[in-house]
Structure formats: structure tokens, C-alpha cells
Amino acid sequence: MNTELHGYSANKDALLNRLARIEGQVRGIAKMVEDDRYCIDVLTQISAVQKAIEAVALGLLDDHVRHCVVGSTGETQAERMNELMAAVGRLVKS
């Protein structure tokens, strides 16, 4: 088992709560489609979920920089910075 603490460890419960809310929103969107709701209403809810996911991602990036990158040194820091930039690239690409 990996015993290394991650940047989000201090806020893990809050992060899990946010993800559970997002999960509920996604289930709500599925129900809207099932109920043949108006497309614009469905798209509005999809936009809200995207914004919520982006907020979670930005929080994780912030935690990673503050804990995992700044808290490391030498080759490990360089490796983590490269991982960070790749993750930012994937987030911005979409």
C-alpha cells in the first residue's frame, strides 16, 4: 500500500463530497434525458457539471503544486513538474 500523502489528503473529505455532488448531478442529467426534458435544460446541466469538474481539477492542480512539486527536490521535483505540465496540457486540450 502506498503510504505517501498526497496534496489533497488534508481536504480528502471535502473533495469526496464535491465528487459525490457531481455524481448526483450526472445521474440527474441521465434522468432528464430519460424523462425527455428540453435539450437546452439538459445542456445547461451538462455545463454545470463541466464547471464543477474543472473546479475539482484546478483544486487538485493547486494541491499538487503546493505539496508534491514544491515539497520535493532535485530529480523528483523535475519529474513532478513534468507530470504537472502534462496534466495541465491534457486539461487545457479538451
PDB file of N, CA and C in Angstrom:
ATOM      1  N   MET A   1       0.843  -1.188   0.000  1.00  0.00           N
ATOM      2  CA  MET A   1       0.000   0.000   0.000  1.00  0.00           C
ATOM      3  C   MET A   1       0.884   1.246   0.000  1.00  0.00           C
ATOM      4  N   ASN A   2       0.496   2.252  -0.782  1.00  0.00           N
ATOM      5  CA  ASN A   2       1.251   3.497  -0.873  1.00  0.00           C
ATOM      6  C   ASN A   2       0.935   4.361   0.345  1.00  0.00           C
ATOM      7  N   THR A   3       1.964   4.667   1.147  1.00  0.00           N
ATOM      8  CA  THR A   3       1.747   5.449   2.364  1.00  0.00           C
ATOM      9  C   THR A   3       2.086   6.922   2.179  1.00  0.00           C
ATOM     10  N   GLU A   4       2.552   7.312   0.991  1.00  0.00           N
ATOM     11  CA  GLU A   4       2.875   8.713   0.725  1.00  0.00           C
ATOM     12  C   GLU A   4       1.585   9.539   0.722  1.00  0.00           C
ATOM     13  N   LEU A   5       1.611  10.647   1.452  1.00  0.00           N
ATOM     14  CA  LEU A   5       0.453  11.531   1.460  1.00  0.00           C
ATOM     15  C   LEU A   5       0.471  12.408   0.218  1.00  0.00           C
ATOM     16  N   HIS A   6      -0.705  12.649  -0.316  1.00  0.00           N
ATOM     17  CA  HIS A   6      -0.836  13.493  -1.490  1.00  0.00           C
ATOM     18  C   HIS A   6      -1.321  14.871  -1.063  1.00  0.00           C
ATOM     19  N   GLY A   7      -1.198  15.845  -1.962  1.00  0.00           N
ATOM     20  CA  GLY A   7      -1.571  17.212  -1.653  1.00  0.00           C
ATOM     21  C   GLY A   7      -3.013  17.360  -1.206  1.00  0.00           C
ATOM     22  N   TYR A   8      -3.888  16.524  -1.719  1.00  0.00           N
ATOM     23  CA  TYR A   8      -5.307  16.638  -1.386  1.00  0.00           C
ATOM     24  C   TYR A   8      -5.683  15.914  -0.098  1.00  0.00           C
ATOM     25  N   SER A   9      -4.740  15.232   0.544  1.00  0.00           N
ATOM     26  CA  SER A   9      -5.051  14.427   1.733  1.00  0.00           C
ATOM     27  C   SER A   9      -5.747  15.220   2.827  1.00  0.00           C
ATOM     28  N   ALA A  10      -5.326  16.469   3.043  1.00  0.00           N
ATOM     29  CA  ALA A  10      -5.923  17.290   4.095  1.00  0.00           C
ATOM     30  C   ALA A  10      -7.373  17.638   3.793  1.00  0.00           C
ATOM     31  N   ASN A  11      -7.723  17.687   2.514  1.00  0.00           N
ATOM     32  CA  ASN A  11      -9.079  18.058   2.096  1.00  0.00           C
ATOM     33  C   ASN A  11      -9.833  16.881   1.483  1.00  0.00           C
ATOM     34  N   LYS A  12      -9.404  15.686   1.781  1.00  0.00           N
ATOM     35  CA  LYS A  12      -9.962  14.498   1.131  1.00  0.00           C
ATOM     36  C   LYS A  12     -11.474  14.393   1.313  1.00  0.00           C
ATOM     37  N   ASP A  13     -11.975  14.622   2.521  1.00  0.00           N
ATOM     38  CA  ASP A  13     -13.421  14.522   2.754  1.00  0.00           C
ATOM     39  C   ASP A  13     -14.202  15.538   1.935  1.00  0.00           C
ATOM     40  N   ALA A  14     -13.705  16.767   1.880  1.00  0.00           N
ATOM     41  CA  ALA A  14     -14.369  17.803   1.088  1.00  0.00           C
ATOM     42  C   ALA A  14     -14.329  17.444  -0.394  1.00  0.00           C
ATOM     43  N   LEU A  15     -13.201  16.922  -0.855  1.00  0.00           N
ATOM     44  CA  LEU A  15     -13.073  16.513  -2.252  1.00  0.00           C
ATOM     45  C   LEU A  15     -14.058  15.393  -2.575  1.00  0.00           C
ATOM     46  N   LEU A  16     -14.151  14.414  -1.704  1.00  0.00           N
ATOM     47  CA  LEU A  16     -15.095  13.310  -1.914  1.00  0.00           C
ATOM     48  C   LEU A  16     -16.540  13.803  -1.918  1.00  0.00           C
ATOM     49  N   ASN A  17     -16.849  14.771  -1.053  1.00  0.00           N
ATOM     50  CA  ASN A  17     -18.204  15.342  -1.041  1.00  0.00           C
ATOM     51  C   ASN A  17     -18.516  16.053  -2.353  1.00  0.00           C
ATOM     52  N   ARG A  18     -17.556  16.816  -2.852  1.00  0.00           N
ATOM     53  CA  ARG A  18     -17.760  17.517  -4.135  1.00  0.00           C
ATOM     54  C   ARG A  18     -17.966  16.520  -5.264  1.00  0.00           C
ATOM     55  N   LEU A  19     -17.164  15.457  -5.268  1.00  0.00           N
ATOM     56  CA  LEU A  19     -17.301  14.437  -6.312  1.00  0.00           C
ATOM     57  C   LEU A  19     -18.643  13.709  -6.205  1.00  0.00           C
ATOM     58  N   ALA A  20     -19.109  13.488  -4.998  1.00  0.00           N
ATOM     59  CA  ALA A  20     -20.422  12.848  -4.815  1.00  0.00           C
ATOM     60  C   ALA A  20     -21.536  13.753  -5.338  1.00  0.00           C
ATOM     61  N   ARG A  21     -21.405  15.060  -5.112  1.00  0.00           N
ATOM     62  CA  ARG A  21     -22.401  16.005  -5.657  1.00  0.00           C
ATOM     63  C   ARG A  21     -22.389  15.982  -7.183  1.00  0.00           C
ATOM     64  N   ILE A  22     -21.198  15.938  -7.751  1.00  0.00           N
ATOM     65  CA  ILE A  22     -21.086  15.879  -9.211  1.00  0.00           C
ATOM     66  C   ILE A  22     -21.703  14.583  -9.732  1.00  0.00           C
ATOM     67  N   GLU A  23     -21.440  13.501  -9.042  1.00  0.00           N
ATOM     68  CA  GLU A  23     -22.030  12.214  -9.421  1.00  0.00           C
ATOM     69  C   GLU A  23     -23.557  12.307  -9.416  1.00  0.00           C
ATOM     70  N   GLY A  24     -24.106  12.957  -8.407  1.00  0.00           N
ATOM     71  CA  GLY A  24     -25.553  13.159  -8.339  1.00  0.00           C
ATOM     72  C   GLY A  24     -26.059  14.014  -9.482  1.00  0.00           C
ATOM     73  N   GLN A  25     -25.281  15.046  -9.845  1.00  0.00           N
ATOM     74  CA  GLN A  25     -25.662  15.895 -10.977  1.00  0.00           C
ATOM     75  C   GLN A  25     -25.699  15.084 -12.270  1.00  0.00           C
ATOM     76  N   VAL A  26     -24.726  14.209 -12.452  1.00  0.00           N
ATOM     77  CA  VAL A  26     -24.678  13.390 -13.668  1.00  0.00           C
ATOM     78  C   VAL A  26     -25.869  12.431 -13.703  1.00  0.00           C
ATOM     79  N   ARG A  27     -26.187  11.849 -12.570  1.00  0.00           N
ATOM     80  CA  ARG A  27     -27.386  10.988 -12.511  1.00  0.00           C
ATOM     81  C   ARG A  27     -28.634  11.796 -12.832  1.00  0.00           C
ATOM     82  N   GLY A  28     -28.679  13.052 -12.364  1.00  0.00           N
ATOM     83  CA  GLY A  28     -29.802  13.928 -12.662  1.00  0.00           C
ATOM     84  C   GLY A  28     -29.923  14.212 -14.154  1.00  0.00           C
ATOM     85  N   ILE A  29     -28.795  14.368 -14.821  1.00  0.00           N
ATOM     86  CA  ILE A  29     -28.807  14.588 -16.265  1.00  0.00           C
ATOM     87  C   ILE A  29     -29.358  13.351 -16.975  1.00  0.00           C
ATOM     88  N   ALA A  30     -28.927  12.184 -16.548  1.00  0.00           N
ATOM     89  CA  ALA A  30     -29.443  10.952 -17.152  1.00  0.00           C
ATOM     90  C   ALA A  30     -30.958  10.865 -16.975  1.00  0.00           C
ATOM     91  N   LYS A  31     -31.437  11.250 -15.804  1.00  0.00           N
ATOM     92  CA  LYS A  31     -32.883  11.233 -15.536  1.00  0.00           C
ATOM     93  C   LYS A  31     -33.596  12.241 -16.434  1.00  0.00           C
ATOM     94  N   MET A  32     -32.973  13.406 -16.638  1.00  0.00           N
ATOM     95  CA  MET A  32     -33.568  14.407 -17.531  1.00  0.00           C
ATOM     96  C   MET A  32     -33.729  13.846 -18.946  1.00  0.00           C
ATOM     97  N   VAL A  33     -32.709  13.145 -19.427  1.00  0.00           N
ATOM     98  CA  VAL A  33     -32.785  12.548 -20.761  1.00  0.00           C
ATOM     99  C   VAL A  33     -33.865  11.468 -20.781  1.00  0.00           C
ATOM    100  N   GLU A  34     -33.856  10.652 -19.742  1.00  0.00           N
ATOM    101  CA  GLU A  34     -34.872   9.592 -19.627  1.00  0.00           C
ATOM    102  C   GLU A  34     -36.287  10.185 -19.657  1.00  0.00           C
ATOM    103  N   ASP A  35     -36.458  11.340 -19.026  1.00  0.00           N
ATOM    104  CA  ASP A  35     -37.764  11.999 -18.950  1.00  0.00           C
ATOM    105  C   ASP A  35     -38.052  12.905 -20.154  1.00  0.00           C
ATOM    106  N   ASP A  36     -37.183  12.845 -21.160  1.00  0.00           N
ATOM    107  CA  ASP A  36     -37.354  13.647 -22.382  1.00  0.00           C
ATOM    108  C   ASP A  36     -37.451  15.147 -22.103  1.00  0.00           C
ATOM    109  N   ARG A  37     -36.580  15.634 -21.231  1.00  0.00           N
ATOM    110  CA  ARG A  37     -36.565  17.056 -20.916  1.00  0.00           C
ATOM    111  C   ARG A  37     -36.006  17.855 -22.080  1.00  0.00           C
ATOM    112  N   TYR A  38     -36.307  19.133 -22.092  1.00  0.00           N
ATOM    113  CA  TYR A  38     -35.889  20.058 -23.146  1.00  0.00           C
ATOM    114  C   TYR A  38     -34.363  20.075 -23.257  1.00  0.00           C
ATOM    115  N   CYS A  39     -33.876  20.004 -24.511  1.00  0.00           N
ATOM    116  CA  CYS A  39     -32.429  19.883 -24.740  1.00  0.00           C
ATOM    117  C   CYS A  39     -31.611  20.988 -24.089  1.00  0.00           C
ATOM    118  N   ILE A  40     -32.092  22.208 -24.139  1.00  0.00           N
ATOM    119  CA  ILE A  40     -31.338  23.325 -23.570  1.00  0.00           C
ATOM    120  C   ILE A  40     -31.196  23.151 -22.052  1.00  0.00           C
ATOM    121  N   ASP A  41     -32.225  22.634 -21.404  1.00  0.00           N
ATOM    122  CA  ASP A  41     -32.138  22.371 -19.960  1.00  0.00           C
ATOM    123  C   ASP A  41     -31.081  21.310 -19.669  1.00  0.00           C
ATOM    124  N   VAL A  42     -31.035  20.275 -20.496  1.00  0.00           N
ATOM    125  CA  VAL A  42     -30.022  19.221 -20.326  1.00  0.00           C
ATOM    126  C   VAL A  42     -28.630  19.807 -20.549  1.00  0.00           C
ATOM    127  N   LEU A  43     -28.477  20.597 -21.608  1.00  0.00           N
ATOM    128  CA  LEU A  43     -27.178  21.211 -21.882  1.00  0.00           C
ATOM    129  C   LEU A  43     -26.737  22.150 -20.765  1.00  0.00           C
ATOM    130  N   THR A  44     -27.672  22.854 -20.164  1.00  0.00           N
ATOM    131  CA  THR A  44     -27.354  23.738 -19.048  1.00  0.00           C
ATOM    132  C   THR A  44     -26.793  22.933 -17.876  1.00  0.00           C
ATOM    133  N   GLN A  45     -27.397  21.798 -17.606  1.00  0.00           N
ATOM    134  CA  GLN A  45     -26.912  20.950 -16.513  1.00  0.00           C
ATOM    135  C   GLN A  45     -25.554  20.335 -16.847  1.00  0.00           C
ATOM    136  N   ILE A  46     -25.351  19.976 -18.108  1.00  0.00           N
ATOM    137  CA  ILE A  46     -24.044  19.449 -18.525  1.00  0.00           C
ATOM    138  C   ILE A  46     -22.974  20.516 -18.318  1.00  0.00           C
ATOM    139  N   SER A  47     -23.288  21.756 -18.655  1.00  0.00           N
ATOM    140  CA  SER A  47     -22.346  22.852 -18.450  1.00  0.00           C
ATOM    141  C   SER A  47     -21.999  23.007 -16.969  1.00  0.00           C
ATOM    142  N   ALA A  48     -23.001  22.873 -16.112  1.00  0.00           N
ATOM    143  CA  ALA A  48     -22.757  22.985 -14.665  1.00  0.00           C
ATOM    144  C   ALA A  48     -21.826  21.877 -14.185  1.00  0.00           C
ATOM    145  N   VAL A  49     -22.005  20.667 -14.705  1.00  0.00           N
ATOM    146  CA  VAL A  49     -21.131  19.551 -14.318  1.00  0.00           C
ATOM    147  C   VAL A  49     -19.709  19.797 -14.812  1.00  0.00           C
ATOM    148  N   GLN A  50     -19.580  20.289 -16.036  1.00  0.00           N
ATOM    149  CA  GLN A  50     -18.243  20.593 -16.554  1.00  0.00           C
ATOM    150  C   GLN A  50     -17.532  21.616 -15.679  1.00  0.00           C
ATOM    151  N   LYS A  51     -18.235  22.657 -15.278  1.00  0.00           N
ATOM    152  CA  LYS A  51     -17.642  23.687 -14.414  1.00  0.00           C
ATOM    153  C   LYS A  51     -17.232  23.085 -13.058  1.00  0.00           C
ATOM    154  N   ALA A  52     -18.071  22.223 -12.521  1.00  0.00           N
ATOM    155  CA  ALA A  52     -17.767  21.595 -11.234  1.00  0.00           C
ATOM    156  C   ALA A  52     -16.530  20.700 -11.341  1.00  0.00           C
ATOM    157  N   ILE A  53     -16.429  19.940 -12.415  1.00  0.00           N
ATOM    158  CA  ILE A  53     -15.259  19.078 -12.634  1.00  0.00           C
ATOM    159  C   ILE A  53     -14.001  19.928 -12.808  1.00  0.00           C
ATOM    160  N   GLU A  54     -14.124  21.019 -13.549  1.00  0.00           N
ATOM    161  CA  GLU A  54     -12.982  21.920 -13.735  1.00  0.00           C
ATOM    162  C   GLU A  54     -12.521  22.493 -12.398  1.00  0.00           C
ATOM    163  N   ALA A  55     -13.456  22.828 -11.521  1.00  0.00           N
ATOM    164  CA  ALA A  55     -13.093  23.361 -10.208  1.00  0.00           C
ATOM    165  C   ALA A  55     -12.350  22.312  -9.389  1.00  0.00           C
ATOM    166  N   VAL A  56     -12.787  21.068  -9.467  1.00  0.00           N
ATOM    167  CA  VAL A  56     -12.089  19.987  -8.759  1.00  0.00           C
ATOM    168  C   VAL A  56     -10.679  19.832  -9.330  1.00  0.00           C
ATOM    169  N   ALA A  57     -10.571  19.829 -10.656  1.00  0.00           N
ATOM    170  CA  ALA A  57      -9.266  19.675 -11.294  1.00  0.00           C
ATOM    171  C   ALA A  57      -8.319  20.797 -10.901  1.00  0.00           C
ATOM    172  N   LEU A  58      -8.802  22.037 -10.905  1.00  0.00           N
ATOM    173  CA  LEU A  58      -7.949  23.164 -10.518  1.00  0.00           C
ATOM    174  C   LEU A  58      -7.501  23.054  -9.064  1.00  0.00           C
ATOM    175  N   GLY A  59      -8.395  22.603  -8.208  1.00  0.00           N
ATOM    176  CA  GLY A  59      -8.021  22.391  -6.807  1.00  0.00           C
ATOM    177  C   GLY A  59      -6.945  21.331  -6.659  1.00  0.00           C
ATOM    178  N   LEU A  60      -7.080  20.250  -7.416  1.00  0.00           N
ATOM    179  CA  LEU A  60      -6.064  19.193  -7.368  1.00  0.00           C
ATOM    180  C   LEU A  60      -4.730  19.683  -7.926  1.00  0.00           C
ATOM    181  N   LEU A  61      -4.777  20.466  -8.991  1.00  0.00           N
ATOM    182  CA  LEU A  61      -3.531  21.039  -9.522  1.00  0.00           C
ATOM    183  C   LEU A  61      -2.856  21.933  -8.493  1.00  0.00           C
ATOM    184  N   ASP A  62      -3.637  22.767  -7.824  1.00  0.00           N
ATOM    185  CA  ASP A  62      -3.101  23.643  -6.794  1.00  0.00           C
ATOM    186  C   ASP A  62      -2.456  22.830  -5.670  1.00  0.00           C
ATOM    187  N   ASP A  63      -3.169  21.809  -5.208  1.00  0.00           N
ATOM    188  CA  ASP A  63      -2.623  20.946  -4.155  1.00  0.00           C
ATOM    189  C   ASP A  63      -1.342  20.257  -4.614  1.00  0.00           C
ATOM    190  N   HIS A  64      -1.329  19.816  -5.871  1.00  0.00           N
ATOM    191  CA  HIS A  64      -0.141  19.127  -6.393  1.00  0.00           C
ATOM    192  C   HIS A  64       1.067  20.060  -6.409  1.00  0.00           C
ATOM    193  N   VAL A  65       0.849  21.285  -6.889  1.00  0.00           N
ATOM    194  CA  VAL A  65       1.958  22.236  -6.933  1.00  0.00           C
ATOM    195  C   VAL A  65       2.472  22.533  -5.531  1.00  0.00           C
ATOM    196  N   ARG A  66       1.558  22.848  -4.616  1.00  0.00           N
ATOM    197  CA  ARG A  66       1.952  23.263  -3.270  1.00  0.00           C
ATOM    198  C   ARG A  66       2.561  22.132  -2.444  1.00  0.00           C
ATOM    199  N   HIS A  67       2.103  20.916  -2.651  1.00  0.00           N
ATOM    200  CA  HIS A  67       2.554  19.807  -1.806  1.00  0.00           C
ATOM    201  C   HIS A  67       3.575  18.923  -2.516  1.00  0.00           C
ATOM    202  N   CYS A  68       3.219  18.470  -3.694  1.00  0.00           N
ATOM    203  CA  CYS A  68       4.036  17.460  -4.364  1.00  0.00           C
ATOM    204  C   CYS A  68       5.224  18.038  -5.125  1.00  0.00           C
ATOM    205  N   VAL A  69       5.042  19.197  -5.754  1.00  0.00           N
ATOM    206  CA  VAL A  69       6.134  19.783  -6.532  1.00  0.00           C
ATOM    207  C   VAL A  69       7.047  20.612  -5.632  1.00  0.00           C
ATOM    208  N   VAL A  70       6.481  21.605  -4.943  1.00  0.00           N
ATOM    209  CA  VAL A  70       7.292  22.476  -4.091  1.00  0.00           C
ATOM    210  C   VAL A  70       7.923  21.687  -2.941  1.00  0.00           C
ATOM    211  N   GLY A  71       7.231  20.667  -2.471  1.00  0.00           N
ATOM    212  CA  GLY A  71       7.741  19.872  -1.351  1.00  0.00           C
ATOM    213  C   GLY A  71       8.796  18.856  -1.743  1.00  0.00           C
ATOM    214  N   SER A  72       9.167  18.799  -3.008  1.00  0.00           N
ATOM    215  CA  SER A  72      10.179  17.840  -3.450  1.00  0.00           C
ATOM    216  C   SER A  72      11.440  18.585  -3.884  1.00  0.00           C
ATOM    217  N   THR A  73      12.483  17.830  -4.182  1.00  0.00           N
ATOM    218  CA  THR A  73      13.748  18.451  -4.589  1.00  0.00           C
ATOM    219  C   THR A  73      14.386  17.664  -5.728  1.00  0.00           C
ATOM    220  N   GLY A  74      15.333  18.299  -6.377  1.00  0.00           N
ATOM    221  CA  GLY A  74      16.172  17.650  -7.374  1.00  0.00           C
ATOM    222  C   GLY A  74      15.416  16.969  -8.500  1.00  0.00           C
ATOM    223  N   GLU A  75      15.827  15.749  -8.778  1.00  0.00           N
ATOM    224  CA  GLU A  75      15.256  14.982  -9.883  1.00  0.00           C
ATOM    225  C   GLU A  75      13.768  14.701  -9.673  1.00  0.00           C
ATOM    226  N   THR A  76      13.374  14.467  -8.429  1.00  0.00           N
ATOM    227  CA  THR A  76      11.962  14.223  -8.132  1.00  0.00           C
ATOM    228  C   THR A  76      11.136  15.451  -8.452  1.00  0.00           C
ATOM    229  N   GLN A  77      11.653  16.613  -8.099  1.00  0.00           N
ATOM    230  CA  GLN A  77      10.922  17.853  -8.392  1.00  0.00           C
ATOM    231  C   GLN A  77      10.788  18.061  -9.899  1.00  0.00           C
ATOM    232  N   ALA A  78      11.845  17.816 -10.637  1.00  0.00           N
ATOM    233  CA  ALA A  78      11.801  17.966 -12.093  1.00  0.00           C
ATOM    234  C   ALA A  78      10.791  16.992 -12.700  1.00  0.00           C
ATOM    235  N   GLU A  79      10.773  15.771 -12.222  1.00  0.00           N
ATOM    236  CA  GLU A  79       9.830  14.768 -12.709  1.00  0.00           C
ATOM    237  C   GLU A  79       8.388  15.184 -12.407  1.00  0.00           C
ATOM    238  N   ARG A  80       8.170  15.669 -11.202  1.00  0.00           N
ATOM    239  CA  ARG A  80       6.817  16.096 -10.822  1.00  0.00           C
ATOM    240  C   ARG A  80       6.378  17.339 -11.587  1.00  0.00           C
ATOM    241  N   MET A  81       7.300  18.209 -11.893  1.00  0.00           N
ATOM    242  CA  MET A  81       6.966  19.383 -12.691  1.00  0.00           C
ATOM    243  C   MET A  81       6.574  18.959 -14.104  1.00  0.00           C
ATOM    244  N   ASN A  82       7.298  17.986 -14.666  1.00  0.00           N
ATOM    245  CA  ASN A  82       6.947  17.471 -15.991  1.00  0.00           C
ATOM    246  C   ASN A  82       5.564  16.821 -15.972  1.00  0.00           C
ATOM    247  N   GLU A  83       5.273  16.067 -14.919  1.00  0.00           N
ATOM    248  CA  GLU A  83       3.939  15.460 -14.779  1.00  0.00           C
ATOM    249  C   GLU A  83       2.868  16.545 -14.699  1.00  0.00           C
ATOM    250  N   LEU A  84       3.152  17.587 -13.937  1.00  0.00           N
ATOM    251  CA  LEU A  84       2.217  18.695 -13.789  1.00  0.00           C
ATOM    252  C   LEU A  84       1.922  19.341 -15.137  1.00  0.00           C
ATOM    253  N   MET A  85       2.963  19.643 -15.890  1.00  0.00           N
ATOM    254  CA  MET A  85       2.771  20.302 -17.171  1.00  0.00           C
ATOM    255  C   MET A  85       1.996  19.408 -18.142  1.00  0.00           C
ATOM    256  N   ALA A  86       2.245  18.115 -18.095  1.00  0.00           N
ATOM    257  CA  ALA A  86       1.498  17.182 -18.950  1.00  0.00           C
ATOM    258  C   ALA A  86       0.019  17.177 -18.547  1.00  0.00           C
ATOM    259  N   ALA A  87      -0.244  17.195 -17.243  1.00  0.00           N
ATOM    260  CA  ALA A  87      -1.628  17.212 -16.763  1.00  0.00           C
ATOM    261  C   ALA A  87      -2.329  18.502 -17.169  1.00  0.00           C
ATOM    262  N   VAL A  88      -1.637  19.615 -17.041  1.00  0.00           N
ATOM    263  CA  VAL A  88      -2.210  20.909 -17.463  1.00  0.00           C
ATOM    264  C   VAL A  88      -2.504  20.858 -18.964  1.00  0.00           C
ATOM    265  N   GLY A  89      -1.600  20.314 -19.723  1.00  0.00           N
ATOM    266  CA  GLY A  89      -1.802  20.196 -21.162  1.00  0.00           C
ATOM    267  C   GLY A  89      -3.041  19.366 -21.492  1.00  0.00           C
ATOM    268  N   ARG A  90      -3.249  18.263 -20.776  1.00  0.00           N
ATOM    269  CA  ARG A  90      -4.434  17.436 -21.011  1.00  0.00           C
ATOM    270  C   ARG A  90      -5.710  18.186 -20.641  1.00  0.00           C
ATOM    271  N   LEU A  91      -5.675  18.950 -19.571  1.00  0.00           N
ATOM    272  CA  LEU A  91      -6.856  19.699 -19.145  1.00  0.00           C
ATOM    273  C   LEU A  91      -7.195  20.818 -20.118  1.00  0.00           C
ATOM    274  N   VAL A  92      -6.184  21.506 -20.608  1.00  0.00           N
ATOM    275  CA  VAL A  92      -6.402  22.639 -21.498  1.00  0.00           C
ATOM    276  C   VAL A  92      -6.789  22.153 -22.895  1.00  0.00           C
ATOM    277  N   LYS A  93      -6.298  21.004 -23.296  1.00  0.00           N
ATOM    278  CA  LYS A  93      -6.548  20.455 -24.625  1.00  0.00           C
ATOM    279  C   LYS A  93      -8.023  20.188 -24.873  1.00  0.00           C
ATOM    280  N   SER A  94      -8.746  19.782 -23.848  1.00  0.00           N
ATOM    281  CA  SER A  94     -10.154  19.427 -24.038  1.00  0.00           C
ATOM    282  C   SER A  94     -10.955  20.647 -24.277  1.00  0.00           C
TER     283      SER A  94
END
